[in-house]
Amino acid sequence: MDNIILKIVKAEYVENYVLRLTFNNEEVRLMDFAPLIGKGICQKLHDLEYFKSFTLDHFTVDWNNEIGFEPRFLYERSILIS
């Protein structure tokens, strides 16, 4: 697992500040961004409509080319659901 370059291949809004992320290793995980809200650039994510406006780039979720997270960071902080 440590040798694989993780990518997010699908992202779906769930509720509040939670996204369902599907990784290229076929794991589906829930990521709660609430603990990150209000810290540094993540202050913008406090606006729930802005949070919901994420897109998927070639490897991770992205907010308006301003905020993005390294996939391994999201993987390590998310909860496996399938």
C-alpha atoms as a PDB file:
ATOM      1  CA  MET A   1       0.000   0.000   0.000  1.00  0.00           C
ATOM      2  CA  ASP A   2       2.825   2.431   0.755  1.00  0.00           C
ATOM      3  CA  ASN A   3       4.164   2.146  -2.806  1.00  0.00           C
ATOM      4  CA  ILE A   4       0.882   3.021  -4.517  1.00  0.00           C
ATOM      5  CA  ILE A   5       0.332   6.600  -5.622  1.00  0.00           C
ATOM      6  CA  LEU A   6      -3.135   7.360  -4.317  1.00  0.00           C
ATOM      7  CA  LYS A   7      -5.640   9.263  -6.390  1.00  0.00           C
ATOM      8  CA  ILE A   8      -9.263  10.112  -5.780  1.00  0.00           C
ATOM      9  CA  VAL A   9     -11.350   8.866  -8.681  1.00  0.00           C
ATOM     10  CA  LYS A  10     -14.790   9.852  -7.366  1.00  0.00           C
ATOM     11  CA  ALA A  11     -16.046  12.316  -4.763  1.00  0.00           C
ATOM     12  CA  GLU A  12     -19.606  12.790  -3.521  1.00  0.00           C
ATOM     13  CA  TYR A  13     -21.109  15.195  -1.020  1.00  0.00           C
ATOM     14  CA  VAL A  14     -22.735  13.356   1.917  1.00  0.00           C
ATOM     15  CA  GLU A  15     -23.781  15.943   4.539  1.00  0.00           C
ATOM     16  CA  ASN A  16     -22.372  18.831   6.560  1.00  0.00           C
ATOM     17  CA  TYR A  17     -18.631  18.807   5.763  1.00  0.00           C
ATOM     18  CA  VAL A  18     -18.403  15.121   4.829  1.00  0.00           C
ATOM     19  CA  LEU A  19     -17.410  13.737   1.438  1.00  0.00           C
ATOM     20  CA  ARG A  20     -17.480  10.123   0.252  1.00  0.00           C
ATOM     21  CA  LEU A  21     -14.177   9.552  -1.526  1.00  0.00           C
ATOM     22  CA  THR A  22     -13.362   6.653  -3.816  1.00  0.00           C
ATOM     23  CA  PHE A  23      -9.649   6.027  -4.204  1.00  0.00           C
ATOM     24  CA  ASN A  24      -7.841   4.308  -7.061  1.00  0.00           C
ATOM     25  CA  ASN A  25      -7.163   1.341  -4.759  1.00  0.00           C
ATOM     26  CA  GLU A  26     -10.975   0.803  -4.864  1.00  0.00           C
ATOM     27  CA  GLU A  27     -11.487   1.800  -1.223  1.00  0.00           C
ATOM     28  CA  VAL A  28     -14.423   4.062  -0.426  1.00  0.00           C
ATOM     29  CA  ARG A  29     -13.868   6.290   2.582  1.00  0.00           C
ATOM     30  CA  LEU A  30     -15.708   9.071   4.428  1.00  0.00           C
ATOM     31  CA  MET A  31     -13.760  12.245   5.049  1.00  0.00           C
ATOM     32  CA  ASP A  32     -15.066  14.764   7.569  1.00  0.00           C
ATOM     33  CA  PHE A  33     -13.484  18.137   6.833  1.00  0.00           C
ATOM     34  CA  ALA A  34     -15.061  19.793   9.906  1.00  0.00           C
ATOM     35  CA  PRO A  35     -11.846  19.643  11.990  1.00  0.00           C
ATOM     36  CA  LEU A  36     -10.014  21.539   9.223  1.00  0.00           C
ATOM     37  CA  ILE A  37     -12.618  24.285   8.791  1.00  0.00           C
ATOM     38  CA  GLY A  38     -11.433  27.685   9.988  1.00  0.00           C
ATOM     39  CA  LYS A  39      -7.727  26.892   9.791  1.00  0.00           C
ATOM     40  CA  GLY A  40      -5.674  28.889   7.287  1.00  0.00           C
ATOM     41  CA  ILE A  41      -6.984  28.738   3.728  1.00  0.00           C
ATOM     42  CA  CYS A  42      -9.658  26.277   4.897  1.00  0.00           C
ATOM     43  CA  GLN A  43     -11.610  29.206   6.371  1.00  0.00           C
ATOM     44  CA  LYS A  44     -13.293  29.480   2.978  1.00  0.00           C
ATOM     45  CA  LEU A  45     -14.699  25.965   3.390  1.00  0.00           C
ATOM     46  CA  HIS A  46     -16.853  27.198   6.291  1.00  0.00           C
ATOM     47  CA  ASP A  47     -19.323  28.454   3.688  1.00  0.00           C
ATOM     48  CA  LEU A  48     -21.256  25.238   3.055  1.00  0.00           C
ATOM     49  CA  GLU A  49     -22.247  26.249  -0.473  1.00  0.00           C
ATOM     50  CA  TYR A  50     -18.573  26.830  -1.294  1.00  0.00           C
ATOM     51  CA  PHE A  51     -17.710  23.483   0.305  1.00  0.00           C
ATOM     52  CA  LYS A  52     -20.304  21.729  -1.878  1.00  0.00           C
ATOM     53  CA  SER A  53     -18.840  23.349  -5.011  1.00  0.00           C
ATOM     54  CA  PHE A  54     -15.771  21.077  -5.092  1.00  0.00           C
ATOM     55  CA  THR A  55     -14.567  19.514  -8.314  1.00  0.00           C
ATOM     56  CA  LEU A  56     -12.354  16.538  -9.017  1.00  0.00           C
ATOM     57  CA  ASP A  57      -9.063  17.219 -10.769  1.00  0.00           C
ATOM     58  CA  HIS A  58      -6.613  14.570 -11.978  1.00  0.00           C
ATOM     59  CA  PHE A  59      -5.834  13.282  -8.495  1.00  0.00           C
ATOM     60  CA  THR A  60      -7.870  14.925  -5.713  1.00  0.00           C
ATOM     61  CA  VAL A  61     -10.804  17.148  -4.770  1.00  0.00           C
ATOM     62  CA  ASP A  62     -10.353  20.833  -5.441  1.00  0.00           C
ATOM     63  CA  TRP A  63     -12.140  24.029  -4.539  1.00  0.00           C
ATOM     64  CA  ASN A  64     -11.840  26.690  -7.236  1.00  0.00           C
ATOM     65  CA  ASN A  65      -8.121  25.950  -7.785  1.00  0.00           C
ATOM     66  CA  GLU A  66      -7.561  27.478  -4.337  1.00  0.00           C
ATOM     67  CA  ILE A  67      -7.838  24.573  -1.922  1.00  0.00           C
ATOM     68  CA  GLY A  68      -6.752  21.006  -2.496  1.00  0.00           C
ATOM     69  CA  PHE A  69      -5.485  18.192  -0.348  1.00  0.00           C
ATOM     70  CA  GLU A  70      -2.889  15.555  -1.083  1.00  0.00           C
ATOM     71  CA  PRO A  71      -4.770  12.248  -1.501  1.00  0.00           C
ATOM     72  CA  ARG A  72      -2.683  10.399   1.100  1.00  0.00           C
ATOM     73  CA  PHE A  73      -3.530  13.125   3.643  1.00  0.00           C
ATOM     74  CA  LEU A  74      -7.246  12.523   2.980  1.00  0.00           C
ATOM     75  CA  TYR A  75      -6.793   8.751   2.963  1.00  0.00           C
ATOM     76  CA  GLU A  76      -5.061   8.720   6.361  1.00  0.00           C
ATOM     77  CA  ARG A  77      -7.713  10.963   7.959  1.00  0.00           C
ATOM     78  CA  SER A  78     -10.790   9.283   6.529  1.00  0.00           C
ATOM     79  CA  ILE A  79     -12.848   6.288   7.613  1.00  0.00           C
ATOM     80  CA  LEU A  80     -13.077   3.154   5.488  1.00  0.00           C
ATOM     81  CA  ILE A  81     -16.666   2.262   4.568  1.00  0.00           C
ATOM     82  CA  SER A  82     -16.052  -0.256   1.770  1.00  0.00           C
END
